[in-house]
Amino acid sequence: MVKIRLRRDGAKKSPYYTMVVADSRYPADGRFIEKVGTYNPMVEPAVLNVDKEKVLDWIKKGAKPTDTALALIKKAGVEI
Protein backbone atom coordinates (compact mmCIF):
# COMPACT_ATOMS: atom_id res chain seq x y z
CA MET A 1 0.00 0.00 0.00
CA VAL A 2 1.21 3.50 -0.81
CA LYS A 3 1.18 5.99 2.08
CA ILE A 4 1.75 9.70 2.50
CA ARG A 5 3.89 10.06 5.62
CA LEU A 6 6.55 12.13 7.33
CA ARG A 7 10.24 11.36 7.00
CA ARG A 8 12.50 12.74 9.75
CA ASP A 9 15.55 14.71 8.67
CA GLY A 10 17.78 17.12 10.55
CA ALA A 11 20.28 16.89 13.36
CA LYS A 12 19.91 15.48 16.84
CA LYS A 13 17.27 17.45 18.81
CA SER A 14 16.59 19.57 15.72
CA PRO A 15 14.06 17.66 13.61
CA TYR A 16 12.94 18.69 10.16
CA TYR A 17 10.31 16.62 8.39
CA THR A 18 9.75 15.87 4.73
CA MET A 19 6.30 14.73 3.62
CA VAL A 20 6.80 11.86 1.18
CA VAL A 21 4.82 9.28 -0.74
CA ALA A 22 6.26 5.85 0.01
CA ASP A 23 5.42 2.17 -0.12
CA SER A 24 4.40 1.03 3.36
CA ARG A 25 6.98 -1.77 3.20
CA TYR A 26 9.90 0.69 2.99
CA PRO A 27 11.62 1.83 6.22
CA ALA A 28 10.30 5.02 7.80
CA ASP A 29 13.38 7.02 6.80
CA GLY A 30 14.23 4.94 3.74
CA ARG A 31 13.24 4.96 0.09
CA PHE A 32 10.33 7.04 -1.11
CA ILE A 33 8.50 7.59 -4.38
CA GLU A 34 8.02 11.36 -4.36
CA LYS A 35 8.49 14.36 -2.07
CA VAL A 36 5.26 16.34 -1.62
CA GLY A 37 6.06 18.80 1.17
CA THR A 38 8.10 19.90 4.16
CA TYR A 39 7.40 20.69 7.81
CA ASN A 40 9.72 22.49 10.23
CA PRO A 41 8.29 22.59 13.77
CA MET A 42 11.44 24.10 15.32
CA VAL A 43 10.90 27.68 14.18
CA GLU A 44 8.26 30.05 15.51
CA PRO A 45 5.77 29.91 13.83
CA ALA A 46 6.17 26.41 12.37
CA VAL A 47 6.80 26.35 8.61
CA LEU A 48 4.60 24.04 6.52
CA ASN A 49 4.91 23.72 2.73
CA VAL A 50 2.66 21.26 0.90
CA ASP A 51 2.31 20.81 -2.87
CA LYS A 52 -1.49 20.62 -2.97
CA GLU A 53 -1.72 19.32 -6.55
CA LYS A 54 0.69 16.43 -5.88
CA VAL A 55 -1.09 15.46 -2.66
CA LEU A 56 -4.51 15.43 -4.31
CA ASP A 57 -3.14 13.48 -7.28
CA TRP A 58 -1.67 10.78 -5.01
CA ILE A 59 -4.85 10.55 -2.94
CA LYS A 60 -6.85 10.05 -6.14
CA LYS A 61 -4.41 7.27 -7.07
CA GLY A 62 -5.17 5.54 -3.75
CA ALA A 63 -2.44 6.73 -1.38
CA LYS A 64 -3.51 6.80 2.27
CA PRO A 65 -2.12 9.58 4.49
CA THR A 66 -1.06 8.72 8.04
CA ASP A 67 -2.87 10.47 10.89
CA THR A 68 -0.12 13.07 11.34
CA ALA A 69 0.25 13.67 7.61
CA LEU A 70 -3.53 14.05 7.26
CA ALA A 71 -3.61 16.66 10.04
CA LEU A 72 -0.83 18.64 8.37
CA ILE A 73 -2.47 18.36 4.94
CA LYS A 74 -5.72 19.75 6.37
CA LYS A 75 -3.79 22.49 8.17
CA ALA A 76 -2.25 23.48 4.82
CA GLY A 77 -5.75 23.99 3.45
CA VAL A 78 -6.08 20.99 1.14
CA GLU A 79 -9.69 19.81 0.87
CA ILE A 80 -9.87 16.02 0.77
PDB file of N, CA and C in Angstrom:
ATOM      1  N   MET A   1       0.841  -1.176   0.000  1.00  0.00           N
ATOM      2  CA  MET A   1       0.000   0.000   0.000  1.00  0.00           C
ATOM      3  C   MET A   1       0.893   1.249   0.000  1.00  0.00           C
ATOM      4  N   VAL A   2       0.476   2.239  -0.733  1.00  0.00           N
ATOM      5  CA  VAL A   2       1.210   3.499  -0.811  1.00  0.00           C
ATOM      6  C   VAL A   2       0.660   4.456   0.252  1.00  0.00           C
ATOM      7  N   LYS A   3       1.578   5.093   1.003  1.00  0.00           N
ATOM      8  CA  LYS A   3       1.177   5.994   2.079  1.00  0.00           C
ATOM      9  C   LYS A   3       1.846   7.349   1.907  1.00  0.00           C
ATOM     10  N   ILE A   4       1.164   8.370   2.384  1.00  0.00           N
ATOM     11  CA  ILE A   4       1.755   9.699   2.502  1.00  0.00           C
ATOM     12  C   ILE A   4       2.130   9.839   3.965  1.00  0.00           C
ATOM     13  N   ARG A   5       3.427  10.017   4.245  1.00  0.00           N
ATOM     14  CA  ARG A   5       3.886  10.057   5.622  1.00  0.00           C
ATOM     15  C   ARG A   5       5.054  11.022   5.788  1.00  0.00           C
ATOM     16  N   LEU A   6       5.453  11.229   7.041  1.00  0.00           N
ATOM     17  CA  LEU A   6       6.554  12.131   7.334  1.00  0.00           C
ATOM     18  C   LEU A   6       7.851  11.347   7.454  1.00  0.00           C
ATOM     19  N   ARG A   7       8.901  11.936   6.931  1.00  0.00           N
ATOM     20  CA  ARG A   7      10.240  11.359   7.005  1.00  0.00           C
ATOM     21  C   ARG A   7      11.084  12.330   7.806  1.00  0.00           C
ATOM     22  N   ARG A   8      11.734  11.854   8.874  1.00  0.00           N
ATOM     23  CA  ARG A   8      12.500  12.738   9.749  1.00  0.00           C
ATOM     24  C   ARG A   8      13.876  13.004   9.156  1.00  0.00           C
ATOM     25  N   ASP A   9      14.223  14.274   9.076  1.00  0.00           N
ATOM     26  CA  ASP A   9      15.546  14.710   8.668  1.00  0.00           C
ATOM     27  C   ASP A   9      16.054  15.646   9.761  1.00  0.00           C
ATOM     28  N   GLY A  10      17.241  16.156   9.596  1.00  0.00           N
ATOM     29  CA  GLY A  10      17.780  17.120  10.549  1.00  0.00           C
ATOM     30  C   GLY A  10      18.707  16.485  11.555  1.00  0.00           C
ATOM     31  N   ALA A  11      19.296  17.324  12.371  1.00  0.00           N
ATOM     32  CA  ALA A  11      20.278  16.890  13.365  1.00  0.00           C
ATOM     33  C   ALA A  11      19.589  16.422  14.645  1.00  0.00           C
ATOM     34  N   LYS A  12      20.395  15.924  15.542  1.00  0.00           N
ATOM     35  CA  LYS A  12      19.910  15.483  16.841  1.00  0.00           C
ATOM     36  C   LYS A  12      19.260  16.659  17.579  1.00  0.00           C
ATOM     37  N   LYS A  13      18.065  16.449  18.087  1.00  0.00           N
ATOM     38  CA  LYS A  13      17.272  17.448  18.805  1.00  0.00           C
ATOM     39  C   LYS A  13      16.894  18.652  17.942  1.00  0.00           C
ATOM     40  N   SER A  14      16.983  18.497  16.634  1.00  0.00           N
ATOM     41  CA  SER A  14      16.588  19.571  15.717  1.00  0.00           C
ATOM     42  C   SER A  14      15.900  18.949  14.498  1.00  0.00           C
ATOM     43  N   PRO A  15      14.700  18.386  14.701  1.00  0.00           N
ATOM     44  CA  PRO A  15      14.058  17.663  13.610  1.00  0.00           C
ATOM     45  C   PRO A  15      13.511  18.577  12.520  1.00  0.00           C
ATOM     46  N   TYR A  16      13.493  18.034  11.333  1.00  0.00           N
ATOM     47  CA  TYR A  16      12.943  18.685  10.156  1.00  0.00           C
ATOM     48  C   TYR A  16      12.283  17.559   9.385  1.00  0.00           C
ATOM     49  N   TYR A  17      11.035  17.711   9.020  1.00  0.00           N
ATOM     50  CA  TYR A  17      10.308  16.616   8.394  1.00  0.00           C
ATOM     51  C   TYR A  17      10.027  16.886   6.926  1.00  0.00           C
ATOM     52  N   THR A  18      10.094  15.824   6.137  1.00  0.00           N
ATOM     53  CA  THR A  18       9.748  15.874   4.726  1.00  0.00           C
ATOM     54  C   THR A  18       8.523  14.990   4.533  1.00  0.00           C
ATOM     55  N   MET A  19       7.487  15.524   3.908  1.00  0.00           N
ATOM     56  CA  MET A  19       6.298  14.728   3.618  1.00  0.00           C
ATOM     57  C   MET A  19       6.536  14.000   2.309  1.00  0.00           C
ATOM     58  N   VAL A  20       6.483  12.673   2.352  1.00  0.00           N
ATOM     59  CA  VAL A  20       6.796  11.863   1.181  1.00  0.00           C
ATOM     60  C   VAL A  20       5.688  10.862   0.900  1.00  0.00           C
ATOM     61  N   VAL A  21       5.674  10.383  -0.332  1.00  0.00           N
ATOM     62  CA  VAL A  21       4.817   9.282  -0.742  1.00  0.00           C
ATOM     63  C   VAL A  21       5.727   8.064  -0.814  1.00  0.00           C
ATOM     64  N   ALA A  22       5.392   7.018  -0.051  1.00  0.00           N
ATOM     65  CA  ALA A  22       6.259   5.846   0.015  1.00  0.00           C
ATOM     66  C   ALA A  22       5.431   4.573   0.125  1.00  0.00           C
ATOM     67  N   ASP A  23       6.020   3.487  -0.315  1.00  0.00           N
ATOM     68  CA  ASP A  23       5.416   2.175  -0.125  1.00  0.00           C
ATOM     69  C   ASP A  23       5.485   1.859   1.365  1.00  0.00           C
ATOM     70  N   SER A  24       4.440   1.293   1.926  1.00  0.00           N
ATOM     71  CA  SER A  24       4.396   1.032   3.365  1.00  0.00           C
ATOM     72  C   SER A  24       5.427  -0.007   3.797  1.00  0.00           C
ATOM     73  N   ARG A  25       5.976  -0.766   2.857  1.00  0.00           N
ATOM     74  CA  ARG A  25       6.982  -1.770   3.201  1.00  0.00           C
ATOM     75  C   ARG A  25       8.379  -1.180   3.342  1.00  0.00           C
ATOM     76  N   TYR A  26       8.589   0.045   2.878  1.00  0.00           N
ATOM     77  CA  TYR A  26       9.900   0.694   2.990  1.00  0.00           C
ATOM     78  C   TYR A  26      10.107   1.189   4.421  1.00  0.00           C
ATOM     79  N   PRO A  27      11.362   1.281   4.878  1.00  0.00           N
ATOM     80  CA  PRO A  27      11.617   1.826   6.219  1.00  0.00           C
ATOM     81  C   PRO A  27      11.128   3.274   6.337  1.00  0.00           C
ATOM     82  N   ALA A  28      10.862   3.691   7.559  1.00  0.00           N
ATOM     83  CA  ALA A  28      10.297   5.021   7.799  1.00  0.00           C
ATOM     84  C   ALA A  28      11.176   6.135   7.237  1.00  0.00           C
ATOM     85  N   ASP A  29      12.482   5.996   7.323  1.00  0.00           N
ATOM     86  CA  ASP A  29      13.384   7.017   6.803  1.00  0.00           C
ATOM     87  C   ASP A  29      14.132   6.524   5.569  1.00  0.00           C
ATOM     88  N   GLY A  30      13.564   5.535   4.895  1.00  0.00           N
ATOM     89  CA  GLY A  30      14.228   4.935   3.738  1.00  0.00           C
ATOM     90  C   GLY A  30      13.736   5.484   2.413  1.00  0.00           C
ATOM     91  N   ARG A  31      13.650   4.579   1.442  1.00  0.00           N
ATOM     92  CA  ARG A  31      13.241   4.964   0.087  1.00  0.00           C
ATOM     93  C   ARG A  31      11.856   5.583   0.071  1.00  0.00           C
ATOM     94  N   PHE A  32      11.654   6.457  -0.901  1.00  0.00           N
ATOM     95  CA  PHE A  32      10.330   7.037  -1.106  1.00  0.00           C
ATOM     96  C   PHE A  32      10.117   7.249  -2.595  1.00  0.00           C
ATOM     97  N   ILE A  33       8.867   7.431  -2.980  1.00  0.00           N
ATOM     98  CA  ILE A  33       8.505   7.589  -4.385  1.00  0.00           C
ATOM     99  C   ILE A  33       8.610   9.052  -4.802  1.00  0.00           C
ATOM    100  N   GLU A  34       8.022   9.938  -4.003  1.00  0.00           N
ATOM    101  CA  GLU A  34       8.020  11.359  -4.361  1.00  0.00           C
ATOM    102  C   GLU A  34       7.906  12.223  -3.113  1.00  0.00           C
ATOM    103  N   LYS A  35       8.564  13.375  -3.139  1.00  0.00           N
ATOM    104  CA  LYS A  35       8.488  14.359  -2.067  1.00  0.00           C
ATOM    105  C   LYS A  35       7.327  15.302  -2.371  1.00  0.00           C
ATOM    106  N   VAL A  36       6.430  15.487  -1.393  1.00  0.00           N
ATOM    107  CA  VAL A  36       5.256  16.336  -1.623  1.00  0.00           C
ATOM    108  C   VAL A  36       5.164  17.513  -0.661  1.00  0.00           C
ATOM    109  N   GLY A  37       6.110  17.655   0.272  1.00  0.00           N
ATOM    110  CA  GLY A  37       6.058  18.797   1.167  1.00  0.00           C
ATOM    111  C   GLY A  37       7.119  18.746   2.242  1.00  0.00           C
ATOM    112  N   THR A  38       7.172  19.813   3.048  1.00  0.00           N
ATOM    113  CA  THR A  38       8.104  19.901   4.163  1.00  0.00           C
ATOM    114  C   THR A  38       7.390  20.475   5.373  1.00  0.00           C
ATOM    115  N   TYR A  39       7.950  20.183   6.560  1.00  0.00           N
ATOM    116  CA  TYR A  39       7.402  20.689   7.812  1.00  0.00           C
ATOM    117  C   TYR A  39       8.548  20.915   8.778  1.00  0.00           C
ATOM    118  N   ASN A  40       8.677  22.152   9.269  1.00  0.00           N
ATOM    119  CA  ASN A  40       9.722  22.489  10.234  1.00  0.00           C
ATOM    120  C   ASN A  40       9.058  23.015  11.500  1.00  0.00           C
ATOM    121  N   PRO A  41       8.955  22.164  12.541  1.00  0.00           N
ATOM    122  CA  PRO A  41       8.292  22.589  13.773  1.00  0.00           C
ATOM    123  C   PRO A  41       9.207  23.365  14.722  1.00  0.00           C
ATOM    124  N   MET A  42      10.487  23.501  14.398  1.00  0.00           N
ATOM    125  CA  MET A  42      11.444  24.099  15.319  1.00  0.00           C
ATOM    126  C   MET A  42      11.499  25.628  15.265  1.00  0.00           C
ATOM    127  N   VAL A  43      10.910  26.227  14.257  1.00  0.00           N
ATOM    128  CA  VAL A  43      10.905  27.684  14.179  1.00  0.00           C
ATOM    129  C   VAL A  43       9.552  28.207  14.666  1.00  0.00           C
ATOM    130  N   GLU A  44       9.509  29.450  15.034  1.00  0.00           N
ATOM    131  CA  GLU A  44       8.257  30.048  15.511  1.00  0.00           C
ATOM    132  C   GLU A  44       7.816  31.126  14.550  1.00  0.00           C
ATOM    133  N   PRO A  45       6.708  31.037  13.873  1.00  0.00           N
ATOM    134  CA  PRO A  45       5.771  29.907  13.833  1.00  0.00           C
ATOM    135  C   PRO A  45       6.302  28.771  12.950  1.00  0.00           C
ATOM    136  N   ALA A  46       5.747  27.586  13.139  1.00  0.00           N
ATOM    137  CA  ALA A  46       6.174  26.413  12.371  1.00  0.00           C
ATOM    138  C   ALA A  46       5.944  26.644  10.881  1.00  0.00           C
ATOM    139  N   VAL A  47       6.877  26.161  10.063  1.00  0.00           N
ATOM    140  CA  VAL A  47       6.803  26.345   8.613  1.00  0.00           C
ATOM    141  C   VAL A  47       6.277  25.057   7.983  1.00  0.00           C
ATOM    142  N   LEU A  48       5.216  25.185   7.193  1.00  0.00           N
ATOM    143  CA  LEU A  48       4.598  24.039   6.522  1.00  0.00           C
ATOM    144  C   LEU A  48       4.430  24.371   5.051  1.00  0.00           C
ATOM    145  N   ASN A  49       5.041  23.571   4.179  1.00  0.00           N
ATOM    146  CA  ASN A  49       4.910  23.721   2.733  1.00  0.00           C
ATOM    147  C   ASN A  49       4.390  22.413   2.165  1.00  0.00           C
ATOM    148  N   VAL A  50       3.247  22.459   1.484  1.00  0.00           N
ATOM    149  CA  VAL A  50       2.659  21.258   0.895  1.00  0.00           C
ATOM    150  C   VAL A  50       2.295  21.561  -0.552  1.00  0.00           C
ATOM    151  N   ASP A  51       2.691  20.677  -1.468  1.00  0.00           N
ATOM    152  CA  ASP A  51       2.306  20.807  -2.872  1.00  0.00           C
ATOM    153  C   ASP A  51       0.908  20.201  -3.009  1.00  0.00           C
ATOM    154  N   LYS A  52      -0.101  21.056  -3.011  1.00  0.00           N
ATOM    155  CA  LYS A  52      -1.495  20.616  -2.970  1.00  0.00           C
ATOM    156  C   LYS A  52      -1.867  19.736  -4.158  1.00  0.00           C
ATOM    157  N   GLU A  53      -1.380  20.088  -5.349  1.00  0.00           N
ATOM    158  CA  GLU A  53      -1.717  19.317  -6.548  1.00  0.00           C
ATOM    159  C   GLU A  53      -1.159  17.893  -6.461  1.00  0.00           C
ATOM    160  N   LYS A  54       0.083  17.765  -5.997  1.00  0.00           N
ATOM    161  CA  LYS A  54       0.691  16.435  -5.882  1.00  0.00           C
ATOM    162  C   LYS A  54      -0.040  15.586  -4.849  1.00  0.00           C
ATOM    163  N   VAL A  55      -0.389  16.205  -3.711  1.00  0.00           N
ATOM    164  CA  VAL A  55      -1.088  15.461  -2.655  1.00  0.00           C
ATOM    165  C   VAL A  55      -2.437  14.965  -3.159  1.00  0.00           C
ATOM    166  N   LEU A  56      -3.207  15.837  -3.790  1.00  0.00           N
ATOM    167  CA  LEU A  56      -4.514  15.430  -4.308  1.00  0.00           C
ATOM    168  C   LEU A  56      -4.381  14.360  -5.376  1.00  0.00           C
ATOM    169  N   ASP A  57      -3.365  14.475  -6.237  1.00  0.00           N
ATOM    170  CA  ASP A  57      -3.139  13.478  -7.279  1.00  0.00           C
ATOM    171  C   ASP A  57      -2.846  12.112  -6.671  1.00  0.00           C
ATOM    172  N   TRP A  58      -1.994  12.069  -5.640  1.00  0.00           N
ATOM    173  CA  TRP A  58      -1.667  10.783  -5.007  1.00  0.00           C
ATOM    174  C   TRP A  58      -2.857  10.206  -4.253  1.00  0.00           C
ATOM    175  N   ILE A  59      -3.663  11.053  -3.636  1.00  0.00           N
ATOM    176  CA  ILE A  59      -4.846  10.546  -2.935  1.00  0.00           C
ATOM    177  C   ILE A  59      -5.835   9.956  -3.937  1.00  0.00           C
ATOM    178  N   LYS A  60      -5.971  10.597  -5.100  1.00  0.00           N
ATOM    179  CA  LYS A  60      -6.846  10.049  -6.142  1.00  0.00           C
ATOM    180  C   LYS A  60      -6.327   8.718  -6.655  1.00  0.00           C
ATOM    181  N   LYS A  61      -5.006   8.533  -6.636  1.00  0.00           N
ATOM    182  CA  LYS A  61      -4.411   7.267  -7.072  1.00  0.00           C
ATOM    183  C   LYS A  61      -4.517   6.181  -6.007  1.00  0.00           C
ATOM    184  N   GLY A  62      -4.959   6.541  -4.789  1.00  0.00           N
ATOM    185  CA  GLY A  62      -5.174   5.537  -3.748  1.00  0.00           C
ATOM    186  C   GLY A  62      -4.220   5.605  -2.578  1.00  0.00           C
ATOM    187  N   ALA A  63      -3.357   6.608  -2.506  1.00  0.00           N
ATOM    188  CA  ALA A  63      -2.438   6.730  -1.380  1.00  0.00           C
ATOM    189  C   ALA A  63      -3.206   7.126  -0.126  1.00  0.00           C
ATOM    190  N   LYS A  64      -2.861   6.520   1.000  1.00  0.00           N
ATOM    191  CA  LYS A  64      -3.515   6.802   2.272  1.00  0.00           C
ATOM    192  C   LYS A  64      -2.567   7.609   3.155  1.00  0.00           C
ATOM    193  N   PRO A  65      -2.973   8.815   3.579  1.00  0.00           N
ATOM    194  CA  PRO A  65      -2.117   9.580   4.489  1.00  0.00           C
ATOM    195  C   PRO A  65      -2.179   9.016   5.907  1.00  0.00           C
ATOM    196  N   THR A  66      -1.058   9.097   6.631  1.00  0.00           N
ATOM    197  CA  THR A  66      -1.058   8.720   8.037  1.00  0.00           C
ATOM    198  C   THR A  66      -1.819   9.783   8.812  1.00  0.00           C
ATOM    199  N   ASP A  67      -2.094   9.526  10.082  1.00  0.00           N
ATOM    200  CA  ASP A  67      -2.868  10.471  10.892  1.00  0.00           C
ATOM    201  C   ASP A  67      -2.173  11.831  10.979  1.00  0.00           C
ATOM    202  N   THR A  68      -0.867  11.823  11.225  1.00  0.00           N
ATOM    203  CA  THR A  68      -0.119  13.075  11.337  1.00  0.00           C
ATOM    204  C   THR A  68      -0.063  13.795  10.006  1.00  0.00           C
ATOM    205  N   ALA A  69       0.196  13.056   8.941  1.00  0.00           N
ATOM    206  CA  ALA A  69       0.254  13.671   7.608  1.00  0.00           C
ATOM    207  C   ALA A  69      -1.103  14.248   7.232  1.00  0.00           C
ATOM    208  N   LEU A  70      -2.184  13.554   7.562  1.00  0.00           N
ATOM    209  CA  LEU A  70      -3.530  14.050   7.260  1.00  0.00           C
ATOM    210  C   LEU A  70      -3.816  15.358   7.998  1.00  0.00           C
ATOM    211  N   ALA A  71      -3.408  15.431   9.255  1.00  0.00           N
ATOM    212  CA  ALA A  71      -3.612  16.657  10.035  1.00  0.00           C
ATOM    213  C   ALA A  71      -2.844  17.822   9.420  1.00  0.00           C
ATOM    214  N   LEU A  72      -1.620  17.581   8.981  1.00  0.00           N
ATOM    215  CA  LEU A  72      -0.828  18.644   8.365  1.00  0.00           C
ATOM    216  C   LEU A  72      -1.380  19.037   6.999  1.00  0.00           C
ATOM    217  N   ILE A  73      -1.880  18.065   6.247  1.00  0.00           N
ATOM    218  CA  ILE A  73      -2.472  18.358   4.941  1.00  0.00           C
ATOM    219  C   ILE A  73      -3.701  19.253   5.115  1.00  0.00           C
ATOM    220  N   LYS A  74      -4.529  18.924   6.099  1.00  0.00           N
ATOM    221  CA  LYS A  74      -5.719  19.748   6.368  1.00  0.00           C
ATOM    222  C   LYS A  74      -5.327  21.133   6.871  1.00  0.00           C
ATOM    223  N   LYS A  75      -4.266  21.211   7.676  1.00  0.00           N
ATOM    224  CA  LYS A  75      -3.787  22.493   8.172  1.00  0.00           C
ATOM    225  C   LYS A  75      -3.276  23.373   7.042  1.00  0.00           C
ATOM    226  N   ALA A  76      -2.745  22.736   5.986  1.00  0.00           N
ATOM    227  CA  ALA A  76      -2.250  23.477   4.819  1.00  0.00           C
ATOM    228  C   ALA A  76      -3.393  23.971   3.928  1.00  0.00           C
ATOM    229  N   GLY A  77      -4.603  23.504   4.195  1.00  0.00           N
ATOM    230  CA  GLY A  77      -5.754  23.989   3.449  1.00  0.00           C
ATOM    231  C   GLY A  77      -6.159  23.125   2.271  1.00  0.00           C
ATOM    232  N   VAL A  78      -5.703  21.893   2.232  1.00  0.00           N
ATOM    233  CA  VAL A  78      -6.076  20.985   1.144  1.00  0.00           C
ATOM    234  C   VAL A  78      -7.398  20.326   1.516  1.00  0.00           C
ATOM    235  N   GLU A  79      -8.372  20.428   0.637  1.00  0.00           N
ATOM    236  CA  GLU A  79      -9.689  19.814   0.872  1.00  0.00           C
ATOM    237  C   GLU A  79      -9.676  18.395   0.319  1.00  0.00           C
ATOM    238  N   ILE A  80      -9.868  17.434   1.197  1.00  0.00           N
ATOM    239  CA  ILE A  80      -9.867  16.022   0.771  1.00  0.00           C
ATOM    240  C   ILE A  80     -11.293  15.523   0.718  1.00  0.00           C
TER     241      ILE A  80
END
